[in-house]
All heavy atoms as atom14 arrays in JSON, in Angstrom:
{
  "sequence": "SYCETHHAEEWVSDDHPPGRTDIDNGVLLCHFHHSHLHKSSWKLVMR",
  "atom14_mask": [
    [1, 1, 1, 1, 1, 1, 0, 0, 0, 0, 0, 0, 0, 0],
    [1, 1, 1, 1, 1, 1, 1, 1, 1, 1, 1, 1, 0, 0],
    [1, 1, 1, 1, 1, 1, 0, 0, 0, 0, 0, 0, 0, 0],
    [1, 1, 1, 1, 1, 1, 1, 1, 1, 0, 0, 0, 0, 0],
    [1, 1, 1, 1, 1, 1, 1, 0, 0, 0, 0, 0, 0, 0],
    [1, 1, 1, 1, 1, 1, 1, 1, 1, 1, 0, 0, 0, 0],
    [1, 1, 1, 1, 1, 1, 1, 1, 1, 1, 0, 0, 0, 0],
    [1, 1, 1, 1, 1, 0, 0, 0, 0, 0, 0, 0, 0, 0],
    [1, 1, 1, 1, 1, 1, 1, 1, 1, 0, 0, 0, 0, 0],
    [1, 1, 1, 1, 1, 1, 1, 1, 1, 0, 0, 0, 0, 0],
    [1, 1, 1, 1, 1, 1, 1, 1, 1, 1, 1, 1, 1, 1],
    [1, 1, 1, 1, 1, 1, 1, 0, 0, 0, 0, 0, 0, 0],
    [1, 1, 1, 1, 1, 1, 0, 0, 0, 0, 0, 0, 0, 0],
    [1, 1, 1, 1, 1, 1, 1, 1, 0, 0, 0, 0, 0, 0],
    [1, 1, 1, 1, 1, 1, 1, 1, 0, 0, 0, 0, 0, 0],
    [1, 1, 1, 1, 1, 1, 1, 1, 1, 1, 0, 0, 0, 0],
    [1, 1, 1, 1, 1, 1, 1, 0, 0, 0, 0, 0, 0, 0],
    [1, 1, 1, 1, 1, 1, 1, 0, 0, 0, 0, 0, 0, 0],
    [1, 1, 1, 1, 0, 0, 0, 0, 0, 0, 0, 0, 0, 0],
    [1, 1, 1, 1, 1, 1, 1, 1, 1, 1, 1, 0, 0, 0],
    [1, 1, 1, 1, 1, 1, 1, 0, 0, 0, 0, 0, 0, 0],
    [1, 1, 1, 1, 1, 1, 1, 1, 0, 0, 0, 0, 0, 0],
    [1, 1, 1, 1, 1, 1, 1, 1, 0, 0, 0, 0, 0, 0],
    [1, 1, 1, 1, 1, 1, 1, 1, 0, 0, 0, 0, 0, 0],
    [1, 1, 1, 1, 1, 1, 1, 1, 0, 0, 0, 0, 0, 0],
    [1, 1, 1, 1, 0, 0, 0, 0, 0, 0, 0, 0, 0, 0],
    [1, 1, 1, 1, 1, 1, 1, 0, 0, 0, 0, 0, 0, 0],
    [1, 1, 1, 1, 1, 1, 1, 1, 0, 0, 0, 0, 0, 0],
    [1, 1, 1, 1, 1, 1, 1, 1, 0, 0, 0, 0, 0, 0],
    [1, 1, 1, 1, 1, 1, 0, 0, 0, 0, 0, 0, 0, 0],
    [1, 1, 1, 1, 1, 1, 1, 1, 1, 1, 0, 0, 0, 0],
    [1, 1, 1, 1, 1, 1, 1, 1, 1, 1, 1, 0, 0, 0],
    [1, 1, 1, 1, 1, 1, 1, 1, 1, 1, 0, 0, 0, 0],
    [1, 1, 1, 1, 1, 1, 1, 1, 1, 1, 0, 0, 0, 0],
    [1, 1, 1, 1, 1, 1, 0, 0, 0, 0, 0, 0, 0, 0],
    [1, 1, 1, 1, 1, 1, 1, 1, 1, 1, 0, 0, 0, 0],
    [1, 1, 1, 1, 1, 1, 1, 1, 0, 0, 0, 0, 0, 0],
    [1, 1, 1, 1, 1, 1, 1, 1, 1, 1, 0, 0, 0, 0],
    [1, 1, 1, 1, 1, 1, 1, 1, 1, 0, 0, 0, 0, 0],
    [1, 1, 1, 1, 1, 1, 0, 0, 0, 0, 0, 0, 0, 0],
    [1, 1, 1, 1, 1, 1, 0, 0, 0, 0, 0, 0, 0, 0],
    [1, 1, 1, 1, 1, 1, 1, 1, 1, 1, 1, 1, 1, 1],
    [1, 1, 1, 1, 1, 1, 1, 1, 1, 0, 0, 0, 0, 0],
    [1, 1, 1, 1, 1, 1, 1, 1, 0, 0, 0, 0, 0, 0],
    [1, 1, 1, 1, 1, 1, 1, 0, 0, 0, 0, 0, 0, 0],
    [1, 1, 1, 1, 1, 1, 1, 1, 0, 0, 0, 0, 0, 0],
    [1, 1, 1, 1, 1, 1, 1, 1, 1, 1, 1, 0, 0, 0]
  ],
  "atom14_positions": [
    [[-16.11, 9.83, 16.89], [-16.16, 10.45, 15.57], [-15.32, 9.7, 14.54], [-15.46, 9.91, 13.34], [-15.68, 11.9, 15.65], [-14.36, 11.96, 16.18], [0.0, 0.0, 0.0], [0.0, 0.0, 0.0], [0.0, 0.0, 0.0], [0.0, 0.0, 0.0], [0.0, 0.0, 0.0], [0.0, 0.0, 0.0], [0.0, 0.0, 0.0], [0.0, 0.0, 0.0]],
    [[-14.45, 8.79, 14.98], [-13.6, 8.03, 14.08], [-14.09, 6.59, 13.94], [-13.38, 5.76, 13.38], [-12.16, 8.01, 14.61], [-11.43, 9.33, 14.49], [-11.83, 10.43, 15.23], [-10.35, 9.47, 13.63], [-11.18, 11.64, 15.12], [-9.68, 10.68, 13.52], [-10.1, 11.76, 14.27], [-9.45, 12.96, 14.17], [0.0, 0.0, 0.0], [0.0, 0.0, 0.0]],
    [[-15.28, 6.31, 14.47], [-15.73, 4.92, 14.54], [-16.86, 4.64, 13.55], [-17.57, 5.53, 13.09], [-16.2, 4.59, 15.96], [-14.86, 4.5, 17.15], [0.0, 0.0, 0.0], [0.0, 0.0, 0.0], [0.0, 0.0, 0.0], [0.0, 0.0, 0.0], [0.0, 0.0, 0.0], [0.0, 0.0, 0.0], [0.0, 0.0, 0.0], [0.0, 0.0, 0.0]],
    [[-17.05, 3.36, 13.29], [-18.15, 2.84, 12.5], [-19.06, 2.03, 13.43], [-18.62, 1.57, 14.48], [-17.62, 1.96, 11.36], [-16.67, 2.69, 10.43], [-15.97, 1.78, 9.44], [-16.19, 0.54, 9.53], [-15.23, 2.29, 8.59], [0.0, 0.0, 0.0], [0.0, 0.0, 0.0], [0.0, 0.0, 0.0], [0.0, 0.0, 0.0], [0.0, 0.0, 0.0]],
    [[-20.3, 1.85, 13.03], [-21.25, 1.14, 13.87], [-21.38, -0.31, 13.4], [-21.65, -0.55, 12.22], [-22.62, 1.81, 13.84], [-22.45, 3.23, 13.99], [-23.5, 1.3, 14.97], [0.0, 0.0, 0.0], [0.0, 0.0, 0.0], [0.0, 0.0, 0.0], [0.0, 0.0, 0.0], [0.0, 0.0, 0.0], [0.0, 0.0, 0.0], [0.0, 0.0, 0.0]],
    [[-21.19, -1.24, 14.31], [-21.21, -2.66, 13.99], [-22.41, -3.32, 14.65], [-22.75, -3.02, 15.8], [-19.92, -3.32, 14.48], [-19.93, -4.82, 14.4], [-19.79, -5.5, 13.23], [-20.08, -5.75, 15.39], [-19.83, -6.81, 13.47], [-20.01, -6.98, 14.78], [0.0, 0.0, 0.0], [0.0, 0.0, 0.0], [0.0, 0.0, 0.0], [0.0, 0.0, 0.0]],
    [[-23.08, -4.23, 13.92], [-24.16, -5.01, 14.49], [-23.56, -6.23, 15.19], [-22.95, -7.08, 14.55], [-25.12, -5.5, 13.4], [-25.84, -4.4, 12.69], [-25.23, -3.59, 11.75], [-27.12, -3.97, 12.79], [-26.11, -2.71, 11.28], [-27.27, -2.93, 11.89], [0.0, 0.0, 0.0], [0.0, 0.0, 0.0], [0.0, 0.0, 0.0], [0.0, 0.0, 0.0]],
    [[-23.74, -6.31, 16.5], [-23.21, -7.46, 17.25], [-23.82, -8.75, 16.73], [-23.12, -9.73, 16.48], [-23.47, -7.29, 18.74], [0.0, 0.0, 0.0], [0.0, 0.0, 0.0], [0.0, 0.0, 0.0], [0.0, 0.0, 0.0], [0.0, 0.0, 0.0], [0.0, 0.0, 0.0], [0.0, 0.0, 0.0], [0.0, 0.0, 0.0], [0.0, 0.0, 0.0]],
    [[-25.17, -8.76, 16.6], [-25.83, -9.84, 15.89], [-25.96, -9.4, 14.44], [-26.42, -8.3, 14.16], [-27.23, -10.09, 16.49], [-27.22, -10.64, 17.9], [-26.76, -12.08, 17.97], [-26.79, -12.75, 16.91], [-26.37, -12.54, 19.06], [0.0, 0.0, 0.0], [0.0, 0.0, 0.0], [0.0, 0.0, 0.0], [0.0, 0.0, 0.0], [0.0, 0.0, 0.0]],
    [[-25.52, -10.25, 13.53], [-25.43, -9.84, 12.13], [-26.74, -9.25, 11.63], [-27.82, -9.71, 12.0], [-25.01, -11.03, 11.26], [-23.59, -11.5, 11.51], [-23.16, -12.57, 10.53], [-23.79, -12.66, 9.46], [-22.22, -13.31, 10.84], [0.0, 0.0, 0.0], [0.0, 0.0, 0.0], [0.0, 0.0, 0.0], [0.0, 0.0, 0.0], [0.0, 0.0, 0.0]],
    [[-26.61, -8.28, 10.79], [-27.78, -7.56, 10.27], [-28.74, -8.49, 9.54], [-29.94, -8.28, 9.5], [-27.28, -6.44, 9.35], [-28.36, -5.57, 8.81], [-29.13, -4.69, 9.51], [-28.79, -5.5, 7.46], [-30.02, -4.05, 8.67], [-29.82, -4.53, 7.4], [-28.41, -6.15, 6.29], [-30.47, -4.22, 6.22], [-29.05, -5.83, 5.12], [-30.08, -4.87, 5.08]],
    [[-28.21, -9.58, 8.97], [-29.05, -10.5, 8.2], [-29.47, -11.72, 9.02], [-30.0, -12.67, 8.49], [-28.31, -10.99, 6.93], [-28.08, -9.84, 5.99], [-26.99, -11.65, 7.31], [0.0, 0.0, 0.0], [0.0, 0.0, 0.0], [0.0, 0.0, 0.0], [0.0, 0.0, 0.0], [0.0, 0.0, 0.0], [0.0, 0.0, 0.0], [0.0, 0.0, 0.0]],
    [[-29.21, -11.71, 10.35], [-29.55, -12.86, 11.17], [-31.04, -12.91, 11.45], [-31.78, -11.97, 11.21], [-28.78, -12.81, 12.49], [-29.29, -11.78, 13.31], [0.0, 0.0, 0.0], [0.0, 0.0, 0.0], [0.0, 0.0, 0.0], [0.0, 0.0, 0.0], [0.0, 0.0, 0.0], [0.0, 0.0, 0.0], [0.0, 0.0, 0.0], [0.0, 0.0, 0.0]],
    [[-31.49, -14.07, 11.99], [-32.91, -14.22, 12.3], [-33.36, -13.27, 13.4], [-34.48, -12.79, 13.42], [-33.2, -15.68, 12.73], [-32.98, -16.65, 11.57], [-33.09, -16.21, 10.41], [-32.69, -17.84, 11.83], [0.0, 0.0, 0.0], [0.0, 0.0, 0.0], [0.0, 0.0, 0.0], [0.0, 0.0, 0.0], [0.0, 0.0, 0.0], [0.0, 0.0, 0.0]],
    [[-32.46, -13.02, 14.38], [-32.82, -12.16, 15.5], [-32.97, -10.71, 15.09], [-33.74, -9.95, 15.68], [-31.77, -12.26, 16.61], [-31.75, -13.65, 17.25], [-32.8, -14.32, 17.19], [-30.69, -14.03, 17.77], [0.0, 0.0, 0.0], [0.0, 0.0, 0.0], [0.0, 0.0, 0.0], [0.0, 0.0, 0.0], [0.0, 0.0, 0.0], [0.0, 0.0, 0.0]],
    [[-32.2, -10.3, 14.11], [-32.25, -8.92, 13.64], [-32.38, -8.93, 12.12], [-31.39, -8.8, 11.4], [-30.99, -8.15, 14.06], [-30.89, -7.97, 15.54], [-31.42, -6.9, 16.19], [-30.35, -8.76, 16.5], [-31.2, -7.01, 17.5], [-30.54, -8.13, 17.71], [0.0, 0.0, 0.0], [0.0, 0.0, 0.0], [0.0, 0.0, 0.0], [0.0, 0.0, 0.0]],
    [[-33.59, -9.11, 11.6], [-33.78, -9.19, 10.15], [-33.47, -7.86, 9.48], [-33.4, -6.83, 10.14], [-35.26, -9.54, 10.01], [-35.89, -9.03, 11.27], [-34.86, -9.21, 12.34], [0.0, 0.0, 0.0], [0.0, 0.0, 0.0], [0.0, 0.0, 0.0], [0.0, 0.0, 0.0], [0.0, 0.0, 0.0], [0.0, 0.0, 0.0], [0.0, 0.0, 0.0]],
    [[-33.3, -7.86, 8.16], [-32.99, -6.62, 7.44], [-33.99, -5.51, 7.74], [-35.19, -5.74, 7.81], [-33.06, -7.04, 5.97], [-32.74, -8.51, 6.01], [-33.34, -9.02, 7.27], [0.0, 0.0, 0.0], [0.0, 0.0, 0.0], [0.0, 0.0, 0.0], [0.0, 0.0, 0.0], [0.0, 0.0, 0.0], [0.0, 0.0, 0.0], [0.0, 0.0, 0.0]],
    [[-33.47, -4.32, 7.96], [-34.31, -3.17, 8.22], [-34.46, -2.85, 9.69], [-34.89, -1.76, 10.04], [0.0, 0.0, 0.0], [0.0, 0.0, 0.0], [0.0, 0.0, 0.0], [0.0, 0.0, 0.0], [0.0, 0.0, 0.0], [0.0, 0.0, 0.0], [0.0, 0.0, 0.0], [0.0, 0.0, 0.0], [0.0, 0.0, 0.0], [0.0, 0.0, 0.0]],
    [[-34.07, -3.77, 10.59], [-34.2, -3.52, 12.02], [-32.82, -3.32, 12.62], [-31.94, -4.17, 12.56], [-34.88, -4.71, 12.7], [-35.08, -4.51, 14.19], [-35.73, -5.73, 14.8], [-35.83, -5.6, 16.25], [-36.16, -6.58, 17.07], [-36.46, -7.75, 16.58], [-36.21, -6.38, 18.36], [0.0, 0.0, 0.0], [0.0, 0.0, 0.0], [0.0, 0.0, 0.0]],
    [[-32.6, -2.15, 13.18], [-31.31, -1.8, 13.78], [-31.56, -1.22, 15.16], [-32.21, -0.19, 15.29], [-30.58, -0.76, 12.91], [-30.34, -1.33, 11.62], [-29.24, -0.38, 13.54], [0.0, 0.0, 0.0], [0.0, 0.0, 0.0], [0.0, 0.0, 0.0], [0.0, 0.0, 0.0], [0.0, 0.0, 0.0], [0.0, 0.0, 0.0], [0.0, 0.0, 0.0]],
    [[-31.02, -1.91, 16.21], [-31.29, -1.53, 17.59], [-30.01, -1.09, 18.28], [-28.92, -1.61, 18.0], [-31.88, -2.7, 18.38], [-33.2, -3.17, 17.79], [-33.9, -2.33, 17.2], [-33.49, -4.37, 17.9], [0.0, 0.0, 0.0], [0.0, 0.0, 0.0], [0.0, 0.0, 0.0], [0.0, 0.0, 0.0], [0.0, 0.0, 0.0], [0.0, 0.0, 0.0]],
    [[-30.15, -0.17, 19.23], [-28.99, 0.31, 19.98], [-28.35, -0.82, 20.77], [-27.13, -0.93, 20.86], [-29.4, 1.47, 20.92], [-29.81, 2.69, 20.11], [-28.26, 1.82, 21.86], [-30.26, 3.85, 20.95], [0.0, 0.0, 0.0], [0.0, 0.0, 0.0], [0.0, 0.0, 0.0], [0.0, 0.0, 0.0], [0.0, 0.0, 0.0], [0.0, 0.0, 0.0]],
    [[-29.2, -1.7, 21.35], [-28.65, -2.79, 22.15], [-27.89, -3.8, 21.3], [-27.22, -4.68, 21.84], [-29.78, -3.52, 22.89], [-30.35, -2.68, 24.03], [-29.64, -1.75, 24.45], [-31.47, -2.95, 24.46], [0.0, 0.0, 0.0], [0.0, 0.0, 0.0], [0.0, 0.0, 0.0], [0.0, 0.0, 0.0], [0.0, 0.0, 0.0], [0.0, 0.0, 0.0]],
    [[-28.01, -3.67, 19.99], [-27.28, -4.58, 19.1], [-26.14, -3.86, 18.4], [-25.45, -4.45, 17.57], [-28.24, -5.16, 18.05], [-27.6, -6.24, 17.21], [-26.95, -7.13, 17.74], [-27.76, -6.14, 15.89], [0.0, 0.0, 0.0], [0.0, 0.0, 0.0], [0.0, 0.0, 0.0], [0.0, 0.0, 0.0], [0.0, 0.0, 0.0], [0.0, 0.0, 0.0]],
    [[-25.91, -2.61, 18.72], [-24.87, -1.84, 18.03], [-23.71, -1.51, 18.93], [-23.89, -1.24, 20.13], [0.0, 0.0, 0.0], [0.0, 0.0, 0.0], [0.0, 0.0, 0.0], [0.0, 0.0, 0.0], [0.0, 0.0, 0.0], [0.0, 0.0, 0.0], [0.0, 0.0, 0.0], [0.0, 0.0, 0.0], [0.0, 0.0, 0.0], [0.0, 0.0, 0.0]],
    [[-22.52, -1.55, 18.39], [-21.31, -1.15, 19.11], [-20.44, -0.33, 18.17], [-20.53, -0.46, 16.94], [-20.5, -2.37, 19.62], [-21.27, -3.12, 20.68], [-20.12, -3.3, 18.47], [0.0, 0.0, 0.0], [0.0, 0.0, 0.0], [0.0, 0.0, 0.0], [0.0, 0.0, 0.0], [0.0, 0.0, 0.0], [0.0, 0.0, 0.0], [0.0, 0.0, 0.0]],
    [[-19.58, 0.49, 18.74], [-18.68, 1.32, 17.96], [-17.33, 0.62, 17.79], [-16.76, 0.12, 18.76], [-18.47, 2.68, 18.62], [-19.7, 3.57, 18.75], [-19.31, 4.91, 19.38], [-20.35, 3.8, 17.39], [0.0, 0.0, 0.0], [0.0, 0.0, 0.0], [0.0, 0.0, 0.0], [0.0, 0.0, 0.0], [0.0, 0.0, 0.0], [0.0, 0.0, 0.0]],
    [[-16.84, 0.6, 16.55], [-15.52, 0.05, 16.24], [-14.84, 0.98, 15.24], [-15.49, 1.5, 14.32], [-15.64, -1.35, 15.61], [-16.07, -2.51, 16.53], [-16.42, -3.72, 15.68], [-14.97, -2.84, 17.52], [0.0, 0.0, 0.0], [0.0, 0.0, 0.0], [0.0, 0.0, 0.0], [0.0, 0.0, 0.0], [0.0, 0.0, 0.0], [0.0, 0.0, 0.0]],
    [[-13.55, 1.18, 15.41], [-12.81, 1.94, 14.4], [-12.73, 1.1, 13.13], [-13.01, -0.11, 13.13], [-11.4, 2.28, 14.9], [-10.3, 0.85, 15.06], [0.0, 0.0, 0.0], [0.0, 0.0, 0.0], [0.0, 0.0, 0.0], [0.0, 0.0, 0.0], [0.0, 0.0, 0.0], [0.0, 0.0, 0.0], [0.0, 0.0, 0.0], [0.0, 0.0, 0.0]],
    [[-12.35, 1.73, 12.03], [-12.35, 1.03, 10.74], [-11.46, -0.2, 10.78], [-11.83, -1.27, 10.28], [-11.89, 1.98, 9.63], [-11.81, 1.33, 8.28], [-12.91, 1.12, 7.5], [-10.74, 0.8, 7.59], [-12.55, 0.5, 6.38], [-11.25, 0.31, 6.42], [0.0, 0.0, 0.0], [0.0, 0.0, 0.0], [0.0, 0.0, 0.0], [0.0, 0.0, 0.0]],
    [[-10.29, -0.08, 11.38], [-9.36, -1.21, 11.39], [-9.93, -2.39, 12.16], [-9.94, -3.52, 11.69], [-8.01, -0.8, 11.99], [-7.11, -1.97, 12.3], [-6.55, -2.71, 11.28], [-6.86, -2.34, 13.61], [-5.74, -3.8, 11.54], [-6.04, -3.42, 13.9], [-5.48, -4.16, 12.86], [0.0, 0.0, 0.0], [0.0, 0.0, 0.0], [0.0, 0.0, 0.0]],
    [[-10.41, -2.13, 13.38], [-10.92, -3.23, 14.18], [-12.25, -3.76, 13.65], [-12.58, -4.94, 13.81], [-11.05, -2.8, 15.65], [-9.74, -2.69, 16.35], [-9.28, -1.52, 16.92], [-8.75, -3.61, 16.53], [-8.09, -1.74, 17.45], [-7.74, -2.98, 17.21], [0.0, 0.0, 0.0], [0.0, 0.0, 0.0], [0.0, 0.0, 0.0], [0.0, 0.0, 0.0]],
    [[-13.03, -2.91, 12.98], [-14.25, -3.37, 12.33], [-13.9, -4.37, 11.22], [-14.49, -5.45, 11.12], [-15.0, -2.16, 11.75], [-16.41, -2.48, 11.37], [-17.25, -1.54, 10.8], [-17.14, -3.63, 11.44], [-18.43, -2.09, 10.56], [-18.38, -3.36, 10.94], [0.0, 0.0, 0.0], [0.0, 0.0, 0.0], [0.0, 0.0, 0.0], [0.0, 0.0, 0.0]],
    [[-12.93, -3.99, 10.4], [-12.48, -4.88, 9.33], [-11.89, -6.16, 9.9], [-12.15, -7.27, 9.43], [-11.45, -4.15, 8.45], [-10.91, -5.02, 7.48], [0.0, 0.0, 0.0], [0.0, 0.0, 0.0], [0.0, 0.0, 0.0], [0.0, 0.0, 0.0], [0.0, 0.0, 0.0], [0.0, 0.0, 0.0], [0.0, 0.0, 0.0], [0.0, 0.0, 0.0]],
    [[-11.07, -6.0, 10.96], [-10.41, -7.15, 11.58], [-11.45, -8.14, 12.13], [-11.3, -9.36, 11.99], [-9.5, -6.66, 12.71], [-8.79, -7.74, 13.45], [-7.82, -8.52, 12.88], [-8.92, -8.19, 14.73], [-7.38, -9.4, 13.77], [-8.03, -9.21, 14.89], [0.0, 0.0, 0.0], [0.0, 0.0, 0.0], [0.0, 0.0, 0.0], [0.0, 0.0, 0.0]],
    [[-12.51, -7.62, 12.71], [-13.54, -8.47, 13.3], [-14.25, -9.29, 12.24], [-14.54, -10.48, 12.44], [-14.54, -7.61, 14.08], [-15.61, -8.35, 14.87], [-14.99, -9.19, 15.98], [-16.61, -7.37, 15.45], [0.0, 0.0, 0.0], [0.0, 0.0, 0.0], [0.0, 0.0, 0.0], [0.0, 0.0, 0.0], [0.0, 0.0, 0.0], [0.0, 0.0, 0.0]],
    [[-14.53, -8.66, 11.09], [-15.24, -9.36, 10.03], [-14.38, -10.4, 9.32], [-14.9, -11.38, 8.8], [-15.78, -8.36, 9.0], [-17.08, -7.73, 9.4], [-18.29, -8.38, 9.31], [-17.36, -6.5, 9.91], [-19.26, -7.59, 9.73], [-18.72, -6.43, 10.1], [0.0, 0.0, 0.0], [0.0, 0.0, 0.0], [0.0, 0.0, 0.0], [0.0, 0.0, 0.0]],
    [[-13.08, -10.2, 9.3], [-12.21, -11.06, 8.53], [-11.5, -12.12, 9.36], [-10.93, -13.07, 8.81], [-11.16, -10.21, 7.8], [-11.74, -9.24, 6.79], [-10.64, -8.4, 6.17], [-11.21, -7.33, 5.24], [-11.89, -7.89, 4.09], [0.0, 0.0, 0.0], [0.0, 0.0, 0.0], [0.0, 0.0, 0.0], [0.0, 0.0, 0.0], [0.0, 0.0, 0.0]],
    [[-11.48, -11.97, 10.67], [-10.71, -12.87, 11.53], [-11.62, -13.82, 12.28], [-12.85, -13.83, 12.11], [-9.86, -12.07, 12.52], [-10.7, -11.43, 13.47], [0.0, 0.0, 0.0], [0.0, 0.0, 0.0], [0.0, 0.0, 0.0], [0.0, 0.0, 0.0], [0.0, 0.0, 0.0], [0.0, 0.0, 0.0], [0.0, 0.0, 0.0], [0.0, 0.0, 0.0]],
    [[-11.0, -14.62, 13.15], [-11.76, -15.58, 13.96], [-12.27, -14.98, 15.26], [-12.88, -15.67, 16.07], [-10.87, -16.8, 14.27], [-10.47, -17.44, 13.08], [0.0, 0.0, 0.0], [0.0, 0.0, 0.0], [0.0, 0.0, 0.0], [0.0, 0.0, 0.0], [0.0, 0.0, 0.0], [0.0, 0.0, 0.0], [0.0, 0.0, 0.0], [0.0, 0.0, 0.0]],
    [[-11.98, -13.71, 15.49], [-12.49, -13.04, 16.68], [-14.0, -12.81, 16.53], [-14.5, -12.61, 15.42], [-11.79, -11.71, 16.89], [-10.35, -11.84, 17.3], [-9.29, -12.08, 16.48], [-9.83, -11.74, 18.62], [-8.13, -12.15, 17.21], [-8.43, -11.94, 18.53], [-10.39, -11.52, 19.86], [-7.6, -11.91, 19.64], [-9.57, -11.48, 20.97], [-8.19, -11.68, 20.86]],
    [[-14.71, -12.82, 17.64], [-16.14, -12.57, 17.63], [-16.47, -11.49, 18.65], [-15.71, -11.25, 19.59], [-16.92, -13.85, 17.96], [-16.64, -15.03, 17.03], [-17.06, -14.73, 15.61], [-16.79, -15.92, 14.7], [-17.09, -15.6, 13.28], [0.0, 0.0, 0.0], [0.0, 0.0, 0.0], [0.0, 0.0, 0.0], [0.0, 0.0, 0.0], [0.0, 0.0, 0.0]],
    [[-17.62, -10.85, 18.45], [-18.1, -9.85, 19.4], [-19.52, -10.23, 19.78], [-20.38, -10.41, 18.9], [-18.05, -8.45, 18.81], [-18.3, -7.3, 19.79], [-17.52, -6.07, 19.38], [-19.79, -6.95, 19.87], [0.0, 0.0, 0.0], [0.0, 0.0, 0.0], [0.0, 0.0, 0.0], [0.0, 0.0, 0.0], [0.0, 0.0, 0.0], [0.0, 0.0, 0.0]],
    [[-19.77, -10.36, 21.08], [-21.11, -10.72, 21.57], [-21.53, -9.72, 22.63], [-20.7, -9.03, 23.23], [-21.11, -12.15, 22.16], [-20.77, -13.18, 21.1], [-20.15, -12.25, 23.34], [0.0, 0.0, 0.0], [0.0, 0.0, 0.0], [0.0, 0.0, 0.0], [0.0, 0.0, 0.0], [0.0, 0.0, 0.0], [0.0, 0.0, 0.0], [0.0, 0.0, 0.0]],
    [[-22.85, -9.66, 22.87], [-23.39, -8.78, 23.9], [-23.8, -9.62, 25.11], [-24.48, -10.65, 24.96], [-24.6, -8.01, 23.37], [-24.31, -7.16, 22.14], [-23.2, -5.77, 22.47], [-24.28, -4.68, 23.39], [0.0, 0.0, 0.0], [0.0, 0.0, 0.0], [0.0, 0.0, 0.0], [0.0, 0.0, 0.0], [0.0, 0.0, 0.0], [0.0, 0.0, 0.0]],
    [[-23.39, -9.19, 26.29], [-23.81, -9.83, 27.54], [-24.37, -8.76, 28.47], [-23.63, -7.88, 28.91], [-22.62, -10.53, 28.21], [-22.21, -11.84, 27.55], [-21.19, -12.56, 28.42], [-20.95, -13.91, 27.97], [-20.19, -14.8, 28.61], [-19.61, -14.45, 29.76], [-20.02, -16.01, 28.13], [0.0, 0.0, 0.0], [0.0, 0.0, 0.0], [0.0, 0.0, 0.0]]
  ]
}
């Protein structure tokens, strides 16, 4: 309930074009770590 939904593959990428949002591409992140992920050199990938 305190989390935001993040697209592991960017929403504007070729694999996931605008308008397509899939569960297998979504992960939950709190606001701080969501912001940290977008602004830092850390990456999030799905395996």
